[in-house]
C-alpha cells in the first residue's frame, strides 16, 4: 500500500578524536590540525560495532535509501555499524556535514580521494568537487549567521528528500548538530541531543 509517511532513521557517528580532545582542551580541539577530518577512536569503533551486533539497524532491505556525511567518522561508523552498506548504494552528501566549516575536524577529504577509496557502489553526486570547508569559512567571514546558513542547508536537504522519496524508509548517518537541526526544522522544534552512535527515529507525513 502506498503511503505518504516517510520514515527517517538517524545514527550519529561514534566517538571521534575531536570529542576526546574537547573534553581536555575545549573548543581549541576542533581547530587543532591533529584532528583534521577527525577519525573514530577505539571507543568510537567499538560503539559502531556494538550497534552492528545489536541488530538495531535491521537489514539492508529495511531501507529504500541510505545517506551519509562524507566526513571520515561518519563513513567509518556506517561501515562498522551496518556492514551491508558497503555492497549497496550509499549517497554521500556535503549537506549532512556539521555547520562549523572552519573547524579542522570538519574538513573532509578531497573529492578525488573519496571516489578512489570508497566502494564503487556508492553515489558521490552530493559531494562537491570544491571542498565546502573553504566555502563555509568564507560565509562566516562575510558576516552571515552560522546558524541561519546551517538550518537553511538542513531544510534544503530535508525538503529535497521528502519531495523525491516520500513514502520511503531512509537511513542517515550524520552528526550531532545536523540531526539536532533536522529535528528542529522537521519535527516542530523538537530538541534532541544524540550521543555517539545513538539511533533516533522520526516520521514525516
N, C-alpha and C. Protein backbone atom coordinates (compact mmCIF):
# COMPACT_ATOMS: atom_id res chain seq x y z
N UNK A 1 0.84 -1.19 0.00
CA UNK A 1 0.00 0.00 0.00
C UNK A 1 0.88 1.24 0.00
N UNK A 2 0.59 2.18 -0.88
CA UNK A 2 1.35 3.41 -0.92
C UNK A 2 1.01 4.28 0.28
N UNK A 3 1.98 4.97 0.80
CA UNK A 3 1.76 5.83 1.95
C UNK A 3 2.57 7.11 1.79
N UNK A 4 2.09 8.18 2.42
CA UNK A 4 2.83 9.44 2.40
C UNK A 4 3.79 9.54 3.57
N UNK A 5 3.82 8.52 4.41
CA UNK A 5 4.70 8.55 5.58
C UNK A 5 6.13 8.23 5.17
N UNK A 6 7.03 9.15 5.49
CA UNK A 6 8.46 8.92 5.25
C UNK A 6 9.12 8.69 6.60
N UNK A 7 9.83 7.59 6.73
CA UNK A 7 10.48 7.23 7.99
C UNK A 7 11.97 7.51 7.90
N UNK A 8 12.48 8.25 8.86
CA UNK A 8 13.91 8.55 8.94
C UNK A 8 14.51 7.83 10.14
N UNK A 9 15.64 7.17 9.92
CA UNK A 9 16.41 6.56 11.00
C UNK A 9 17.77 7.23 10.99
N UNK A 10 18.06 7.98 12.03
CA UNK A 10 19.33 8.70 12.13
C UNK A 10 20.27 7.98 13.09
N UNK A 11 21.54 7.93 12.71
CA UNK A 11 22.57 7.46 13.64
C UNK A 11 23.71 8.47 13.65
N UNK A 12 24.07 8.88 14.85
CA UNK A 12 25.22 9.78 14.99
C UNK A 12 26.50 8.94 14.95
N UNK A 13 27.57 9.53 14.43
CA UNK A 13 28.85 8.82 14.38
C UNK A 13 29.34 8.45 15.77
N UNK A 14 30.27 7.49 15.81
CA UNK A 14 30.88 7.09 17.06
C UNK A 14 31.85 8.15 17.58
N UNK A 15 32.37 7.93 18.76
CA UNK A 15 33.29 8.89 19.37
C UNK A 15 34.48 9.16 18.46
N UNK A 16 34.77 10.45 18.25
CA UNK A 16 35.90 10.86 17.42
C UNK A 16 37.03 11.42 18.27
N UNK A 17 38.19 11.55 17.66
CA UNK A 17 39.34 12.11 18.39
C UNK A 17 39.06 13.51 18.88
N UNK A 18 38.27 14.28 18.10
CA UNK A 18 37.95 15.65 18.50
C UNK A 18 37.04 15.69 19.72
N UNK A 19 36.19 14.65 19.88
CA UNK A 19 35.32 14.59 21.06
C UNK A 19 36.14 14.42 22.33
N UNK A 20 37.15 13.55 22.27
CA UNK A 20 38.02 13.33 23.43
C UNK A 20 38.82 14.59 23.74
N UNK A 21 39.40 15.20 22.70
CA UNK A 21 40.23 16.38 22.92
C UNK A 21 39.40 17.57 23.40
N UNK A 22 38.15 17.63 23.02
CA UNK A 22 37.29 18.73 23.50
C UNK A 22 37.14 18.66 25.02
N UNK A 23 37.02 17.44 25.54
CA UNK A 23 36.89 17.28 26.98
C UNK A 23 38.14 17.78 27.71
N UNK A 24 39.30 17.71 27.04
CA UNK A 24 40.55 18.11 27.66
C UNK A 24 40.87 19.59 27.44
N UNK A 25 40.61 20.07 26.20
CA UNK A 25 41.11 21.38 25.80
C UNK A 25 40.02 22.37 25.39
N UNK A 26 38.77 21.96 25.41
CA UNK A 26 37.70 22.86 24.99
C UNK A 26 37.65 23.00 23.47
N UNK A 27 37.06 24.09 22.99
CA UNK A 27 36.83 24.27 21.56
C UNK A 27 38.11 24.33 20.74
N UNK A 28 39.23 24.63 21.36
CA UNK A 28 40.50 24.66 20.65
C UNK A 28 40.75 23.33 19.93
N UNK A 29 40.24 22.25 20.51
CA UNK A 29 40.45 20.93 19.92
C UNK A 29 39.87 20.82 18.52
N UNK A 30 38.78 21.55 18.27
CA UNK A 30 38.14 21.48 16.96
C UNK A 30 38.99 22.10 15.86
N UNK A 31 39.89 23.01 16.24
CA UNK A 31 40.71 23.71 15.26
C UNK A 31 42.12 23.12 15.14
N UNK A 32 42.44 22.21 16.03
CA UNK A 32 43.78 21.63 16.04
C UNK A 32 43.99 20.75 14.81
N UNK A 33 45.11 20.94 14.12
CA UNK A 33 45.36 20.19 12.88
C UNK A 33 45.47 18.69 13.11
N UNK A 34 45.73 18.28 14.33
CA UNK A 34 45.79 16.84 14.62
C UNK A 34 44.42 16.19 14.48
N UNK A 35 43.38 17.02 14.47
CA UNK A 35 42.01 16.50 14.35
C UNK A 35 41.38 16.79 12.99
N UNK A 36 42.18 17.08 11.98
CA UNK A 36 41.62 17.29 10.64
C UNK A 36 40.81 16.07 10.22
N UNK A 37 39.57 16.31 9.80
CA UNK A 37 38.67 15.22 9.39
C UNK A 37 38.69 14.13 10.46
N UNK A 38 38.35 14.52 11.68
CA UNK A 38 38.54 13.67 12.87
C UNK A 38 38.09 12.23 12.65
N UNK A 39 38.93 11.32 13.08
CA UNK A 39 38.69 9.89 12.92
C UNK A 39 38.06 9.31 14.18
N UNK A 40 37.53 8.10 14.06
CA UNK A 40 36.99 7.41 15.22
C UNK A 40 38.11 6.98 16.16
N UNK A 41 37.83 7.06 17.44
CA UNK A 41 38.73 6.48 18.43
C UNK A 41 38.44 4.98 18.52
N UNK A 42 39.23 4.27 19.31
CA UNK A 42 38.94 2.85 19.53
C UNK A 42 37.57 2.68 20.17
N UNK A 43 37.24 3.58 21.09
CA UNK A 43 35.91 3.55 21.71
C UNK A 43 34.84 3.76 20.65
N UNK A 44 35.07 4.73 19.75
CA UNK A 44 34.11 5.00 18.70
C UNK A 44 33.89 3.82 17.78
N UNK A 45 34.97 3.14 17.44
CA UNK A 45 34.85 1.94 16.60
C UNK A 45 34.06 0.84 17.31
N UNK A 46 34.35 0.68 18.59
CA UNK A 46 33.62 -0.33 19.36
C UNK A 46 32.15 0.03 19.52
N UNK A 47 31.85 1.33 19.61
CA UNK A 47 30.45 1.76 19.68
C UNK A 47 29.71 1.35 18.40
N UNK A 48 30.35 1.59 17.27
CA UNK A 48 29.73 1.25 15.98
C UNK A 48 29.56 -0.26 15.83
N UNK A 49 30.58 -1.01 16.22
CA UNK A 49 30.49 -2.47 16.17
C UNK A 49 29.38 -2.97 17.09
N UNK A 50 29.22 -2.29 18.22
CA UNK A 50 28.15 -2.65 19.15
C UNK A 50 26.77 -2.47 18.53
N UNK A 51 26.61 -1.41 17.75
CA UNK A 51 25.34 -1.19 17.04
C UNK A 51 25.10 -2.33 16.06
N UNK A 52 26.16 -2.71 15.35
CA UNK A 52 26.06 -3.82 14.40
C UNK A 52 25.62 -5.10 15.11
N UNK A 53 26.28 -5.42 16.21
CA UNK A 53 25.99 -6.66 16.94
C UNK A 53 24.59 -6.66 17.55
N UNK A 54 24.10 -5.47 17.85
CA UNK A 54 22.77 -5.37 18.47
C UNK A 54 21.64 -5.60 17.47
N UNK A 55 21.94 -5.41 16.19
CA UNK A 55 20.91 -5.57 15.17
C UNK A 55 19.89 -4.45 15.13
N UNK A 56 20.17 -3.33 15.81
CA UNK A 56 19.20 -2.24 15.92
C UNK A 56 18.90 -1.56 14.58
N UNK A 57 19.83 -1.65 13.65
CA UNK A 57 19.59 -1.01 12.35
C UNK A 57 18.85 -1.94 11.38
N UNK A 58 18.64 -3.17 11.78
CA UNK A 58 17.90 -4.09 10.93
C UNK A 58 18.73 -4.60 9.77
N UNK A 59 18.04 -4.86 8.65
CA UNK A 59 18.68 -5.40 7.46
C UNK A 59 18.66 -4.38 6.33
N UNK A 60 19.51 -4.61 5.33
CA UNK A 60 19.63 -3.66 4.22
C UNK A 60 18.29 -3.48 3.50
N UNK A 61 17.49 -4.54 3.45
CA UNK A 61 16.20 -4.46 2.76
C UNK A 61 15.18 -3.61 3.51
N UNK A 62 15.51 -3.24 4.75
CA UNK A 62 14.60 -2.39 5.53
C UNK A 62 14.64 -0.95 5.05
N UNK A 63 15.63 -0.60 4.22
CA UNK A 63 15.82 0.79 3.81
C UNK A 63 15.72 0.94 2.29
N UNK A 64 15.07 2.01 1.90
CA UNK A 64 14.99 2.33 0.47
C UNK A 64 16.20 3.15 0.04
N UNK A 65 16.70 3.99 0.96
CA UNK A 65 17.84 4.86 0.64
C UNK A 65 18.70 5.03 1.88
N UNK A 66 20.01 5.14 1.65
CA UNK A 66 20.96 5.37 2.73
C UNK A 66 21.79 6.60 2.40
N UNK A 67 21.86 7.53 3.35
CA UNK A 67 22.63 8.76 3.16
C UNK A 67 23.69 8.86 4.26
N UNK A 68 24.83 9.51 3.92
CA UNK A 68 25.93 9.61 4.88
C UNK A 68 26.71 10.90 4.66
N UNK A 69 27.12 11.50 5.76
CA UNK A 69 28.06 12.62 5.69
C UNK A 69 29.38 12.11 5.12
N UNK A 70 30.08 12.92 4.30
CA UNK A 70 31.35 12.48 3.73
C UNK A 70 32.55 12.62 4.67
N UNK A 71 32.32 13.02 5.92
CA UNK A 71 33.42 13.07 6.87
C UNK A 71 33.76 11.66 7.35
N UNK A 72 35.03 11.40 7.57
CA UNK A 72 35.51 10.04 7.82
C UNK A 72 34.83 9.37 8.99
N UNK A 73 34.56 10.11 10.06
CA UNK A 73 33.98 9.48 11.25
C UNK A 73 32.57 8.93 10.98
N UNK A 74 31.85 9.56 10.05
CA UNK A 74 30.53 9.05 9.69
C UNK A 74 30.64 7.86 8.74
N UNK A 75 31.51 7.98 7.75
CA UNK A 75 31.71 6.89 6.80
C UNK A 75 32.12 5.61 7.53
N UNK A 76 33.08 5.72 8.44
CA UNK A 76 33.57 4.55 9.16
C UNK A 76 32.52 4.00 10.13
N UNK A 77 31.74 4.89 10.73
CA UNK A 77 30.66 4.44 11.60
C UNK A 77 29.64 3.63 10.81
N UNK A 78 29.25 4.14 9.65
CA UNK A 78 28.27 3.43 8.83
C UNK A 78 28.79 2.06 8.42
N UNK A 79 30.05 2.01 7.99
CA UNK A 79 30.62 0.74 7.55
C UNK A 79 30.70 -0.29 8.68
N UNK A 80 30.99 0.16 9.89
CA UNK A 80 31.12 -0.75 11.02
C UNK A 80 29.76 -1.12 11.61
N UNK A 81 28.86 -0.15 11.68
CA UNK A 81 27.56 -0.39 12.29
C UNK A 81 26.62 -1.13 11.36
N UNK A 82 26.83 -0.96 10.05
CA UNK A 82 25.93 -1.53 9.04
C UNK A 82 26.76 -2.00 7.86
N UNK A 83 27.52 -3.10 8.03
CA UNK A 83 28.45 -3.56 7.01
C UNK A 83 27.81 -3.79 5.64
N UNK A 84 26.51 -4.12 5.62
CA UNK A 84 25.83 -4.35 4.34
C UNK A 84 25.87 -3.13 3.44
N UNK A 85 26.04 -1.97 4.04
CA UNK A 85 26.05 -0.73 3.26
C UNK A 85 27.23 -0.67 2.28
N UNK A 86 28.29 -1.43 2.55
CA UNK A 86 29.46 -1.38 1.69
C UNK A 86 29.23 -2.05 0.34
N UNK A 87 28.19 -2.88 0.26
CA UNK A 87 27.88 -3.54 -1.00
C UNK A 87 26.64 -2.96 -1.67
N UNK A 88 26.11 -1.87 -1.11
CA UNK A 88 24.90 -1.27 -1.65
C UNK A 88 25.12 0.22 -1.89
N UNK A 89 24.13 0.86 -2.48
CA UNK A 89 24.27 2.28 -2.79
C UNK A 89 24.11 3.12 -1.54
N UNK A 90 25.07 3.98 -1.30
CA UNK A 90 25.02 4.96 -0.23
C UNK A 90 25.25 6.33 -0.85
N UNK A 91 24.39 7.27 -0.52
CA UNK A 91 24.51 8.62 -1.07
C UNK A 91 25.29 9.49 -0.10
N UNK A 92 26.48 9.91 -0.51
CA UNK A 92 27.24 10.88 0.29
C UNK A 92 26.75 12.28 -0.06
N UNK A 93 26.63 13.13 0.95
CA UNK A 93 26.10 14.48 0.69
C UNK A 93 26.77 15.48 1.63
N UNK A 94 27.39 16.50 1.03
CA UNK A 94 28.07 17.54 1.82
C UNK A 94 27.13 18.24 2.79
N UNK A 95 25.84 18.28 2.46
CA UNK A 95 24.89 19.00 3.30
C UNK A 95 24.66 18.31 4.65
N UNK A 96 25.12 17.07 4.78
CA UNK A 96 24.96 16.34 6.04
C UNK A 96 26.10 16.61 7.01
N UNK A 97 27.05 17.46 6.61
CA UNK A 97 28.18 17.77 7.47
C UNK A 97 27.78 18.73 8.57
N UNK A 98 28.68 18.93 9.52
CA UNK A 98 28.45 19.86 10.62
C UNK A 98 28.48 21.31 10.13
N UNK A 99 27.92 22.25 10.93
CA UNK A 99 27.88 23.65 10.50
C UNK A 99 29.21 24.38 10.63
N UNK A 100 30.09 23.91 11.52
CA UNK A 100 31.33 24.64 11.77
C UNK A 100 32.35 24.31 10.69
N UNK A 101 32.17 24.92 9.53
CA UNK A 101 33.01 24.60 8.39
C UNK A 101 34.45 25.07 8.53
N UNK A 102 34.71 25.95 9.49
CA UNK A 102 36.07 26.44 9.65
C UNK A 102 36.85 25.64 10.70
N UNK A 103 36.25 24.58 11.22
CA UNK A 103 36.94 23.73 12.19
C UNK A 103 37.70 22.62 11.46
N UNK A 104 38.91 22.37 11.90
CA UNK A 104 39.74 21.34 11.25
C UNK A 104 39.04 19.98 11.27
N UNK A 105 38.32 19.69 12.34
CA UNK A 105 37.68 18.38 12.46
C UNK A 105 36.60 18.18 11.41
N UNK A 106 36.14 19.27 10.78
CA UNK A 106 35.07 19.17 9.79
C UNK A 106 35.56 19.40 8.36
N UNK A 107 36.85 19.27 8.14
CA UNK A 107 37.39 19.38 6.79
C UNK A 107 37.47 17.99 6.19
N UNK A 108 36.64 17.74 5.19
CA UNK A 108 36.59 16.40 4.61
C UNK A 108 37.73 16.16 3.62
N UNK A 109 37.82 14.88 3.21
CA UNK A 109 38.77 14.53 2.15
C UNK A 109 38.35 15.24 0.86
N UNK A 110 39.32 15.39 -0.04
CA UNK A 110 39.01 15.96 -1.34
C UNK A 110 38.22 14.96 -2.17
N UNK A 111 37.48 15.47 -3.13
CA UNK A 111 36.57 14.66 -3.95
C UNK A 111 37.29 13.47 -4.59
N UNK A 112 38.42 13.72 -5.24
CA UNK A 112 39.13 12.66 -5.95
C UNK A 112 39.59 11.56 -5.01
N UNK A 113 39.93 11.93 -3.80
CA UNK A 113 40.37 10.94 -2.82
C UNK A 113 39.20 10.08 -2.35
N UNK A 114 38.05 10.72 -2.17
CA UNK A 114 36.87 9.97 -1.74
C UNK A 114 36.47 8.91 -2.76
N UNK A 115 36.39 9.31 -4.02
CA UNK A 115 35.87 8.38 -5.03
C UNK A 115 36.83 7.23 -5.33
N UNK A 116 38.09 7.39 -4.95
CA UNK A 116 39.06 6.31 -5.21
C UNK A 116 39.23 5.39 -4.01
N UNK A 117 38.71 5.79 -2.84
CA UNK A 117 38.92 4.97 -1.65
C UNK A 117 37.64 4.32 -1.12
N UNK A 118 36.49 4.72 -1.64
CA UNK A 118 35.22 4.19 -1.14
C UNK A 118 34.60 3.24 -2.16
N UNK A 119 33.62 2.44 -1.73
CA UNK A 119 33.02 1.43 -2.62
C UNK A 119 32.49 2.01 -3.93
N UNK A 120 32.65 1.26 -5.00
CA UNK A 120 32.19 1.71 -6.32
C UNK A 120 30.67 1.86 -6.37
N UNK A 121 29.96 1.17 -5.49
CA UNK A 121 28.51 1.23 -5.49
C UNK A 121 27.97 2.52 -4.87
N UNK A 122 28.82 3.28 -4.22
CA UNK A 122 28.36 4.50 -3.55
C UNK A 122 28.17 5.63 -4.54
N UNK A 123 27.28 6.55 -4.19
CA UNK A 123 26.92 7.67 -5.05
C UNK A 123 27.56 8.96 -4.52
N UNK A 124 28.33 9.63 -5.37
CA UNK A 124 29.07 10.83 -4.93
C UNK A 124 28.50 12.12 -5.52
N UNK A 125 27.30 12.04 -6.07
CA UNK A 125 26.71 13.22 -6.73
C UNK A 125 26.43 14.36 -5.76
N UNK A 126 26.32 14.05 -4.46
CA UNK A 126 26.09 15.10 -3.48
C UNK A 126 27.36 15.68 -2.89
N UNK A 127 28.52 15.24 -3.40
CA UNK A 127 29.81 15.72 -2.91
C UNK A 127 30.39 16.71 -3.92
N UNK A 128 30.69 17.91 -3.48
CA UNK A 128 31.22 18.92 -4.39
C UNK A 128 32.68 18.70 -4.73
N UNK A 129 33.04 19.03 -5.96
CA UNK A 129 34.45 18.94 -6.34
C UNK A 129 35.27 19.98 -5.57
N UNK A 130 34.61 21.07 -5.18
CA UNK A 130 35.24 22.06 -4.32
C UNK A 130 34.90 21.73 -2.88
N UNK A 131 35.91 21.61 -2.04
CA UNK A 131 35.69 21.26 -0.64
C UNK A 131 34.88 22.36 0.06
N UNK A 132 33.73 22.01 0.66
CA UNK A 132 32.89 23.03 1.30
C UNK A 132 33.53 23.66 2.52
N UNK A 133 34.62 23.10 3.00
CA UNK A 133 35.33 23.67 4.15
C UNK A 133 35.62 25.14 3.90
N UNK A 134 36.17 25.46 2.73
CA UNK A 134 36.53 26.84 2.42
C UNK A 134 35.30 27.69 2.15
N UNK A 135 34.28 27.10 1.53
CA UNK A 135 33.06 27.84 1.22
C UNK A 135 32.39 28.32 2.51
N UNK A 136 32.25 27.42 3.48
CA UNK A 136 31.60 27.79 4.72
C UNK A 136 32.43 28.82 5.48
N UNK A 137 33.73 28.69 5.41
CA UNK A 137 34.62 29.63 6.08
C UNK A 137 34.41 31.04 5.53
N UNK A 138 34.27 31.13 4.19
CA UNK A 138 34.04 32.42 3.56
C UNK A 138 32.70 32.99 3.98
N UNK A 139 31.70 32.12 4.16
CA UNK A 139 30.38 32.58 4.57
C UNK A 139 30.42 33.26 5.92
N UNK A 140 31.17 32.71 6.86
CA UNK A 140 31.29 33.33 8.17
C UNK A 140 32.05 34.66 8.08
N UNK A 141 33.07 34.71 7.21
CA UNK A 141 33.84 35.93 7.07
C UNK A 141 33.00 37.07 6.49
N UNK A 142 31.96 36.72 5.75
CA UNK A 142 31.05 37.72 5.19
C UNK A 142 30.06 38.22 6.23
N UNK A 143 30.12 37.67 7.43
CA UNK A 143 29.25 38.13 8.49
C UNK A 143 27.89 37.46 8.52
N UNK A 144 27.73 36.37 7.78
CA UNK A 144 26.46 35.67 7.76
C UNK A 144 26.31 34.86 9.05
N UNK A 145 25.08 34.71 9.50
CA UNK A 145 24.81 33.93 10.70
C UNK A 145 25.08 32.46 10.44
N UNK A 146 25.98 31.88 11.23
CA UNK A 146 26.29 30.47 11.04
C UNK A 146 25.07 29.59 11.19
N UNK A 147 24.23 29.89 12.18
CA UNK A 147 23.06 29.06 12.41
C UNK A 147 22.05 29.16 11.27
N UNK A 148 21.87 30.37 10.73
CA UNK A 148 20.91 30.54 9.64
C UNK A 148 21.39 29.85 8.37
N UNK A 149 22.70 29.90 8.09
CA UNK A 149 23.25 29.19 6.94
C UNK A 149 23.03 27.70 7.11
N UNK A 150 23.29 27.22 8.31
CA UNK A 150 23.20 25.79 8.58
C UNK A 150 21.77 25.27 8.49
N UNK A 151 20.84 25.94 9.14
CA UNK A 151 19.45 25.47 9.13
C UNK A 151 18.85 25.56 7.73
N UNK A 152 19.28 26.52 6.95
CA UNK A 152 18.84 26.60 5.56
C UNK A 152 19.31 25.37 4.80
N UNK A 153 20.55 24.97 5.04
CA UNK A 153 21.11 23.78 4.40
C UNK A 153 20.36 22.52 4.83
N UNK A 154 20.07 22.41 6.13
CA UNK A 154 19.33 21.26 6.65
C UNK A 154 17.95 21.18 6.01
N UNK A 155 17.27 22.32 5.93
CA UNK A 155 15.92 22.35 5.35
C UNK A 155 15.96 22.01 3.86
N UNK A 156 16.96 22.51 3.17
CA UNK A 156 17.09 22.22 1.73
C UNK A 156 17.24 20.73 1.50
N UNK A 157 18.09 20.09 2.30
CA UNK A 157 18.28 18.66 2.15
C UNK A 157 16.99 17.91 2.48
N UNK A 158 16.37 18.25 3.61
CA UNK A 158 15.16 17.56 4.03
C UNK A 158 14.02 17.72 3.04
N UNK A 159 13.83 18.93 2.53
CA UNK A 159 12.76 19.18 1.55
C UNK A 159 12.99 18.36 0.29
N UNK A 160 14.25 18.29 -0.14
CA UNK A 160 14.58 17.53 -1.35
C UNK A 160 14.28 16.05 -1.16
N UNK A 161 14.64 15.51 0.00
CA UNK A 161 14.39 14.10 0.28
C UNK A 161 12.90 13.81 0.31
N UNK A 162 12.14 14.67 0.95
CA UNK A 162 10.70 14.45 1.05
C UNK A 162 10.01 14.59 -0.31
N UNK A 163 10.55 15.44 -1.16
CA UNK A 163 9.96 15.60 -2.49
C UNK A 163 10.27 14.39 -3.37
N UNK A 164 11.51 13.93 -3.33
CA UNK A 164 11.93 12.84 -4.21
C UNK A 164 11.53 11.46 -3.69
N UNK A 165 11.58 11.28 -2.38
CA UNK A 165 11.49 9.93 -1.82
C UNK A 165 10.38 9.78 -0.79
N UNK A 166 9.35 10.58 -0.91
CA UNK A 166 8.25 10.49 0.06
C UNK A 166 7.68 9.07 0.09
N UNK A 167 7.40 8.61 1.30
CA UNK A 167 6.89 7.26 1.47
C UNK A 167 7.97 6.22 1.66
N UNK A 168 9.23 6.66 1.67
CA UNK A 168 10.36 5.73 1.78
C UNK A 168 10.83 5.60 3.23
N UNK A 169 11.70 4.64 3.43
CA UNK A 169 12.38 4.47 4.72
C UNK A 169 13.84 4.79 4.48
N UNK A 170 14.37 5.74 5.24
CA UNK A 170 15.67 6.33 4.93
C UNK A 170 16.59 6.27 6.14
N UNK A 171 17.79 5.77 5.93
CA UNK A 171 18.82 5.73 6.97
C UNK A 171 19.81 6.87 6.72
N UNK A 172 20.13 7.60 7.78
CA UNK A 172 21.04 8.75 7.67
C UNK A 172 22.11 8.65 8.75
N UNK A 173 23.37 8.64 8.35
CA UNK A 173 24.49 8.66 9.29
C UNK A 173 25.12 10.05 9.23
N UNK A 174 25.00 10.78 10.33
CA UNK A 174 25.45 12.18 10.31
C UNK A 174 25.99 12.57 11.68
N UNK A 175 25.85 13.84 12.02
CA UNK A 175 26.49 14.45 13.18
C UNK A 175 25.46 14.99 14.18
N UNK A 176 25.94 15.28 15.36
CA UNK A 176 25.07 15.81 16.42
C UNK A 176 24.27 17.02 15.95
N UNK A 177 24.97 18.03 15.43
CA UNK A 177 24.28 19.28 15.11
C UNK A 177 23.35 19.13 13.91
N UNK A 178 23.74 18.30 12.92
CA UNK A 178 22.84 18.10 11.79
C UNK A 178 21.55 17.42 12.24
N UNK A 179 21.68 16.35 13.03
CA UNK A 179 20.49 15.63 13.49
C UNK A 179 19.64 16.55 14.36
N UNK A 180 20.28 17.29 15.23
CA UNK A 180 19.55 18.23 16.08
C UNK A 180 18.82 19.27 15.23
N UNK A 181 19.51 19.80 14.21
CA UNK A 181 18.90 20.79 13.33
C UNK A 181 17.74 20.22 12.54
N UNK A 182 17.88 18.98 12.08
CA UNK A 182 16.80 18.35 11.31
C UNK A 182 15.54 18.22 12.16
N UNK A 183 15.69 17.76 13.38
CA UNK A 183 14.53 17.63 14.26
C UNK A 183 13.91 18.99 14.55
N UNK A 184 14.76 20.00 14.69
CA UNK A 184 14.26 21.35 14.94
C UNK A 184 13.40 21.84 13.80
N UNK A 185 13.83 21.56 12.56
CA UNK A 185 13.11 22.05 11.38
C UNK A 185 11.90 21.19 11.03
N UNK A 186 12.05 19.87 11.10
CA UNK A 186 11.02 18.98 10.57
C UNK A 186 10.17 18.27 11.63
N UNK A 187 10.50 18.48 12.90
CA UNK A 187 9.72 17.85 13.98
C UNK A 187 9.23 18.89 14.97
N UNK A 188 8.77 20.02 14.43
CA UNK A 188 8.13 21.07 15.22
C UNK A 188 9.00 21.57 16.37
N UNK A 189 10.28 21.77 16.08
CA UNK A 189 11.18 22.35 17.07
C UNK A 189 11.63 21.40 18.16
N UNK A 190 11.39 20.12 17.98
CA UNK A 190 11.80 19.14 18.99
C UNK A 190 13.31 19.20 19.20
N UNK A 191 13.73 19.26 20.46
CA UNK A 191 15.15 19.35 20.77
C UNK A 191 15.70 17.96 21.10
N UNK A 192 16.72 17.56 20.37
CA UNK A 192 17.39 16.29 20.64
C UNK A 192 18.88 16.55 20.78
N UNK A 193 19.55 15.67 21.46
CA UNK A 193 21.00 15.78 21.64
C UNK A 193 21.59 14.38 21.61
N UNK A 194 21.69 13.78 20.41
CA UNK A 194 22.11 12.38 20.30
C UNK A 194 23.54 12.15 20.78
N UNK A 195 23.73 11.08 21.51
CA UNK A 195 25.06 10.67 21.94
C UNK A 195 25.75 9.93 20.80
N UNK A 196 27.03 9.67 20.95
CA UNK A 196 27.76 8.94 19.92
C UNK A 196 27.11 7.59 19.66
N UNK A 197 26.84 7.33 18.39
CA UNK A 197 26.22 6.09 17.91
C UNK A 197 24.78 5.89 18.41
N UNK A 198 24.16 6.93 18.92
CA UNK A 198 22.75 6.82 19.29
C UNK A 198 21.88 6.84 18.02
N UNK A 199 20.80 6.08 18.06
CA UNK A 199 19.88 5.99 16.92
C UNK A 199 18.58 6.70 17.27
N UNK A 200 18.10 7.54 16.37
CA UNK A 200 16.85 8.27 16.57
C UNK A 200 15.92 8.00 15.38
N UNK A 201 14.64 7.94 15.68
CA UNK A 201 13.63 7.66 14.65
C UNK A 201 12.68 8.84 14.53
N UNK A 202 12.20 9.07 13.31
CA UNK A 202 11.24 10.14 13.08
C UNK A 202 10.40 9.83 11.86
N UNK A 203 9.21 10.40 11.81
CA UNK A 203 8.33 10.22 10.68
C UNK A 203 7.85 11.58 10.19
N UNK A 204 7.70 11.69 8.88
CA UNK A 204 7.15 12.90 8.26
C UNK A 204 5.98 12.48 7.36
N UNK A 205 4.91 13.24 7.40
CA UNK A 205 3.73 12.94 6.59
C UNK A 205 3.52 14.03 5.54
